[in-house]
C-alpha cells in the first residue's frame, strides 16, 4: 500500500488532488476533510478543489459528490476562513 503512495510519477500536490477526487467518488467524508486541508496547504485553490469534486458527479453520482461538496468542502473552507480572520486580528 505505502509503495503506491510514494511512487515518483506524481508530485505530492497532484497526488492530494487525486485523493480528494477518489474520496469524493467514494463518498468518504471522514477522510475527505483531512485531504481537502492538505490540498489547500499545498496550493490548490478552493475553486480547483470544487471543480475536481464536480468532475466526480459523473462517476459517483450526483448526490454523493454534491453532498461531499456541500458539507465537507464548505465546512473546511469556512473553518479556514474563520481561522485566517482570527489570525489576522490578533
N, C-alpha and C. Protein backbone atom coordinates (compact mmCIF):
# COMPACT_ATOMS: atom_id res chain seq x y z
N UNK A 1 0.82 -1.19 0.00
CA UNK A 1 0.00 0.00 0.00
C UNK A 1 0.86 1.25 0.00
N UNK A 2 1.83 1.35 0.91
CA UNK A 2 2.63 2.56 1.02
C UNK A 2 3.50 2.78 -0.22
N UNK A 3 3.85 1.71 -0.91
CA UNK A 3 4.65 1.87 -2.13
C UNK A 3 3.88 2.69 -3.16
N UNK A 4 2.58 2.49 -3.25
CA UNK A 4 1.76 3.26 -4.20
C UNK A 4 1.70 4.73 -3.80
N UNK A 5 1.73 5.00 -2.51
CA UNK A 5 1.64 6.38 -2.03
C UNK A 5 2.87 7.19 -2.41
N UNK A 6 4.01 6.58 -2.48
CA UNK A 6 5.25 7.32 -2.71
C UNK A 6 5.89 7.04 -4.06
N UNK A 7 5.11 6.62 -5.02
CA UNK A 7 5.64 6.40 -6.37
C UNK A 7 6.06 7.74 -6.96
N UNK A 8 7.06 7.75 -7.83
CA UNK A 8 7.60 9.01 -8.35
C UNK A 8 6.79 9.66 -9.48
N UNK A 9 5.74 9.03 -9.96
CA UNK A 9 5.03 9.54 -11.13
C UNK A 9 4.25 10.82 -10.93
N UNK A 10 3.84 11.11 -9.70
CA UNK A 10 3.10 12.33 -9.41
C UNK A 10 3.75 13.07 -8.24
N UNK A 11 3.70 14.40 -8.32
CA UNK A 11 4.17 15.16 -7.17
C UNK A 11 3.09 15.11 -6.09
N UNK A 12 3.44 15.53 -4.87
CA UNK A 12 2.53 15.44 -3.74
C UNK A 12 1.27 16.28 -3.97
N UNK A 13 1.42 17.44 -4.57
CA UNK A 13 0.27 18.31 -4.84
C UNK A 13 -0.75 17.59 -5.73
N UNK A 14 -0.30 16.99 -6.81
CA UNK A 14 -1.19 16.26 -7.72
C UNK A 14 -1.78 15.03 -7.05
N UNK A 15 -0.97 14.37 -6.25
CA UNK A 15 -1.42 13.16 -5.55
C UNK A 15 -2.57 13.49 -4.60
N UNK A 16 -2.48 14.63 -3.92
CA UNK A 16 -3.54 15.00 -2.99
C UNK A 16 -4.84 15.34 -3.72
N UNK A 17 -4.73 16.00 -4.86
CA UNK A 17 -5.95 16.30 -5.62
C UNK A 17 -6.60 15.02 -6.12
N UNK A 18 -5.79 14.07 -6.54
CA UNK A 18 -6.32 12.77 -6.97
C UNK A 18 -7.01 12.06 -5.80
N UNK A 19 -6.44 12.18 -4.61
CA UNK A 19 -7.04 11.57 -3.43
C UNK A 19 -8.38 12.23 -3.09
N UNK A 20 -8.44 13.56 -3.20
CA UNK A 20 -9.71 14.27 -2.98
C UNK A 20 -10.76 13.77 -3.96
N UNK A 21 -10.37 13.59 -5.21
CA UNK A 21 -11.30 13.09 -6.22
C UNK A 21 -11.79 11.69 -5.86
N UNK A 22 -10.88 10.81 -5.50
CA UNK A 22 -11.26 9.44 -5.16
C UNK A 22 -12.16 9.37 -3.94
N UNK A 23 -11.83 10.13 -2.91
CA UNK A 23 -12.65 10.13 -1.69
C UNK A 23 -14.03 10.71 -1.96
N UNK A 24 -14.09 11.71 -2.83
CA UNK A 24 -15.39 12.28 -3.22
C UNK A 24 -16.22 11.22 -3.93
N UNK A 25 -15.60 10.52 -4.87
CA UNK A 25 -16.32 9.49 -5.63
C UNK A 25 -16.83 8.38 -4.71
N UNK A 26 -16.07 8.06 -3.68
CA UNK A 26 -16.48 7.02 -2.75
C UNK A 26 -17.44 7.53 -1.69
N UNK A 27 -17.56 8.85 -1.57
CA UNK A 27 -18.42 9.43 -0.55
C UNK A 27 -17.81 9.34 0.84
N UNK A 28 -16.49 9.24 0.91
CA UNK A 28 -15.78 9.10 2.19
C UNK A 28 -15.55 10.47 2.82
N UNK A 29 -16.57 10.97 3.49
CA UNK A 29 -16.48 12.32 4.05
C UNK A 29 -15.58 12.41 5.27
N UNK A 30 -15.33 11.29 5.95
CA UNK A 30 -14.47 11.34 7.14
C UNK A 30 -13.04 11.69 6.77
N UNK A 31 -12.48 11.06 5.76
CA UNK A 31 -11.10 11.35 5.36
C UNK A 31 -11.00 12.56 4.44
N UNK A 32 -12.10 12.90 3.79
CA UNK A 32 -12.09 13.99 2.84
C UNK A 32 -11.67 15.31 3.47
N UNK A 33 -12.13 15.58 4.68
CA UNK A 33 -11.77 16.82 5.38
C UNK A 33 -10.24 16.97 5.49
N UNK A 34 -9.57 15.91 5.89
CA UNK A 34 -8.11 15.93 6.05
C UNK A 34 -7.42 16.23 4.72
N UNK A 35 -7.87 15.56 3.66
CA UNK A 35 -7.21 15.71 2.37
C UNK A 35 -7.54 17.03 1.67
N UNK A 36 -8.72 17.58 1.92
CA UNK A 36 -9.01 18.92 1.39
C UNK A 36 -8.08 19.93 2.05
N UNK A 37 -7.92 19.83 3.36
CA UNK A 37 -6.98 20.73 4.05
C UNK A 37 -5.57 20.57 3.51
N UNK A 38 -5.16 19.34 3.29
CA UNK A 38 -3.83 19.09 2.74
C UNK A 38 -3.67 19.69 1.36
N UNK A 39 -4.68 19.55 0.51
CA UNK A 39 -4.62 20.11 -0.84
C UNK A 39 -4.53 21.64 -0.79
N UNK A 40 -5.30 22.26 0.11
CA UNK A 40 -5.22 23.71 0.27
C UNK A 40 -3.84 24.13 0.77
N UNK A 41 -3.29 23.37 1.70
CA UNK A 41 -1.96 23.69 2.22
C UNK A 41 -0.88 23.61 1.15
N UNK A 42 -1.08 22.76 0.15
CA UNK A 42 -0.09 22.60 -0.92
C UNK A 42 -0.33 23.52 -2.11
N UNK A 43 -1.34 24.39 -2.02
CA UNK A 43 -1.50 25.41 -3.05
C UNK A 43 -2.71 25.27 -3.96
N UNK A 44 -3.50 24.21 -3.82
CA UNK A 44 -4.72 24.14 -4.61
C UNK A 44 -5.69 25.18 -4.08
N UNK A 45 -6.46 25.79 -4.96
CA UNK A 45 -7.44 26.78 -4.53
C UNK A 45 -8.77 26.10 -4.23
N UNK A 46 -9.63 26.81 -3.52
CA UNK A 46 -10.97 26.28 -3.26
C UNK A 46 -11.68 25.96 -4.57
N UNK A 47 -11.55 26.86 -5.53
CA UNK A 47 -12.21 26.68 -6.82
C UNK A 47 -11.72 25.42 -7.53
N UNK A 48 -10.42 25.19 -7.50
CA UNK A 48 -9.86 23.99 -8.15
C UNK A 48 -10.35 22.72 -7.46
N UNK A 49 -10.42 22.74 -6.15
CA UNK A 49 -10.88 21.57 -5.41
C UNK A 49 -12.34 21.29 -5.72
N UNK A 50 -13.16 22.33 -5.72
CA UNK A 50 -14.59 22.15 -6.03
C UNK A 50 -14.76 21.63 -7.46
N UNK A 51 -13.98 22.17 -8.41
CA UNK A 51 -14.08 21.69 -9.80
C UNK A 51 -13.69 20.22 -9.90
N UNK A 52 -12.66 19.83 -9.19
CA UNK A 52 -12.25 18.43 -9.16
C UNK A 52 -13.38 17.56 -8.62
N UNK A 53 -14.00 18.02 -7.54
CA UNK A 53 -15.08 17.27 -6.94
C UNK A 53 -16.29 17.22 -7.87
N UNK A 54 -16.55 18.30 -8.59
CA UNK A 54 -17.67 18.33 -9.52
C UNK A 54 -17.48 17.30 -10.64
N UNK A 55 -16.24 17.07 -11.03
CA UNK A 55 -15.97 16.06 -12.06
C UNK A 55 -16.37 14.66 -11.60
N UNK A 56 -16.42 14.46 -10.32
CA UNK A 56 -16.78 13.16 -9.77
C UNK A 56 -18.27 12.88 -9.88
N UNK A 57 -19.07 13.90 -10.22
CA UNK A 57 -20.52 13.69 -10.40
C UNK A 57 -20.79 12.57 -11.40
N UNK A 58 -19.98 12.53 -12.44
CA UNK A 58 -20.16 11.54 -13.49
C UNK A 58 -19.96 10.12 -12.96
N UNK A 59 -18.99 9.96 -12.08
CA UNK A 59 -18.58 8.64 -11.62
C UNK A 59 -19.25 8.22 -10.31
N UNK A 60 -19.49 9.18 -9.44
CA UNK A 60 -20.01 8.87 -8.11
C UNK A 60 -21.52 8.99 -8.03
N UNK A 61 -22.07 9.72 -8.95
CA UNK A 61 -23.49 10.04 -8.87
C UNK A 61 -23.66 11.39 -8.23
N UNK A 62 -24.67 12.08 -8.66
CA UNK A 62 -24.90 13.45 -8.23
C UNK A 62 -25.02 13.60 -6.71
N UNK A 63 -25.84 12.80 -6.03
CA UNK A 63 -26.00 13.01 -4.58
C UNK A 63 -24.71 12.86 -3.79
N UNK A 64 -23.91 11.85 -4.11
CA UNK A 64 -22.67 11.63 -3.35
C UNK A 64 -21.71 12.80 -3.50
N UNK A 65 -21.41 13.19 -4.73
CA UNK A 65 -20.46 14.27 -4.96
C UNK A 65 -21.00 15.60 -4.46
N UNK A 66 -22.26 15.87 -4.70
CA UNK A 66 -22.83 17.14 -4.27
C UNK A 66 -22.88 17.23 -2.75
N UNK A 67 -23.25 16.15 -2.08
CA UNK A 67 -23.25 16.16 -0.62
C UNK A 67 -21.85 16.36 -0.07
N UNK A 68 -20.85 15.77 -0.70
CA UNK A 68 -19.48 15.96 -0.27
C UNK A 68 -19.07 17.42 -0.40
N UNK A 69 -19.42 18.02 -1.54
CA UNK A 69 -19.07 19.41 -1.77
C UNK A 69 -19.81 20.32 -0.80
N UNK A 70 -21.10 20.10 -0.65
CA UNK A 70 -21.90 20.99 0.19
C UNK A 70 -21.61 20.84 1.67
N UNK A 71 -21.19 19.68 2.10
CA UNK A 71 -20.94 19.50 3.52
C UNK A 71 -19.46 19.67 3.86
N UNK A 72 -18.67 18.71 3.49
CA UNK A 72 -17.28 18.70 3.92
C UNK A 72 -16.48 19.87 3.35
N UNK A 73 -16.52 20.07 2.06
CA UNK A 73 -15.73 21.15 1.46
C UNK A 73 -16.15 22.51 2.01
N UNK A 74 -17.44 22.76 2.08
CA UNK A 74 -17.92 24.05 2.61
C UNK A 74 -17.48 24.25 4.05
N UNK A 75 -17.53 23.18 4.85
CA UNK A 75 -17.10 23.28 6.24
C UNK A 75 -15.61 23.57 6.34
N UNK A 76 -14.80 22.86 5.57
CA UNK A 76 -13.35 23.09 5.59
C UNK A 76 -13.03 24.52 5.16
N UNK A 77 -13.63 24.98 4.07
CA UNK A 77 -13.37 26.34 3.60
C UNK A 77 -13.77 27.36 4.66
N UNK A 78 -14.92 27.18 5.29
CA UNK A 78 -15.39 28.12 6.32
C UNK A 78 -14.48 28.11 7.54
N UNK A 79 -14.06 26.93 7.97
CA UNK A 79 -13.16 26.83 9.13
C UNK A 79 -11.84 27.54 8.86
N UNK A 80 -11.30 27.36 7.66
CA UNK A 80 -10.04 28.00 7.32
C UNK A 80 -10.19 29.52 7.25
N UNK A 81 -11.31 30.00 6.75
CA UNK A 81 -11.55 31.44 6.70
C UNK A 81 -11.68 32.02 8.11
N UNK A 82 -12.36 31.29 8.99
CA UNK A 82 -12.51 31.74 10.37
C UNK A 82 -11.16 31.82 11.05
N UNK A 83 -10.34 30.78 10.89
CA UNK A 83 -9.01 30.77 11.48
C UNK A 83 -8.16 31.89 10.90
N UNK A 84 -8.27 32.12 9.61
CA UNK A 84 -7.50 33.17 8.95
C UNK A 84 -7.91 34.54 9.48
N UNK A 85 -9.20 34.76 9.63
CA UNK A 85 -9.70 36.04 10.14
C UNK A 85 -9.29 36.27 11.59
N UNK A 86 -9.31 35.23 12.41
CA UNK A 86 -8.88 35.35 13.79
C UNK A 86 -7.38 35.63 13.87
N UNK A 87 -6.62 34.97 13.01
CA UNK A 87 -5.17 35.18 12.99
C UNK A 87 -4.79 36.57 12.56
N UNK A 88 -5.58 37.14 11.66
CA UNK A 88 -5.30 38.48 11.15
C UNK A 88 -5.65 39.58 12.11
N UNK A 89 -6.56 39.28 13.08
CA UNK A 89 -6.99 40.34 14.01
C UNK A 89 -6.22 40.31 15.31
N UNK A 90 -5.34 39.35 15.50
CA UNK A 90 -4.61 39.25 16.76
C UNK A 90 -3.34 40.07 16.72
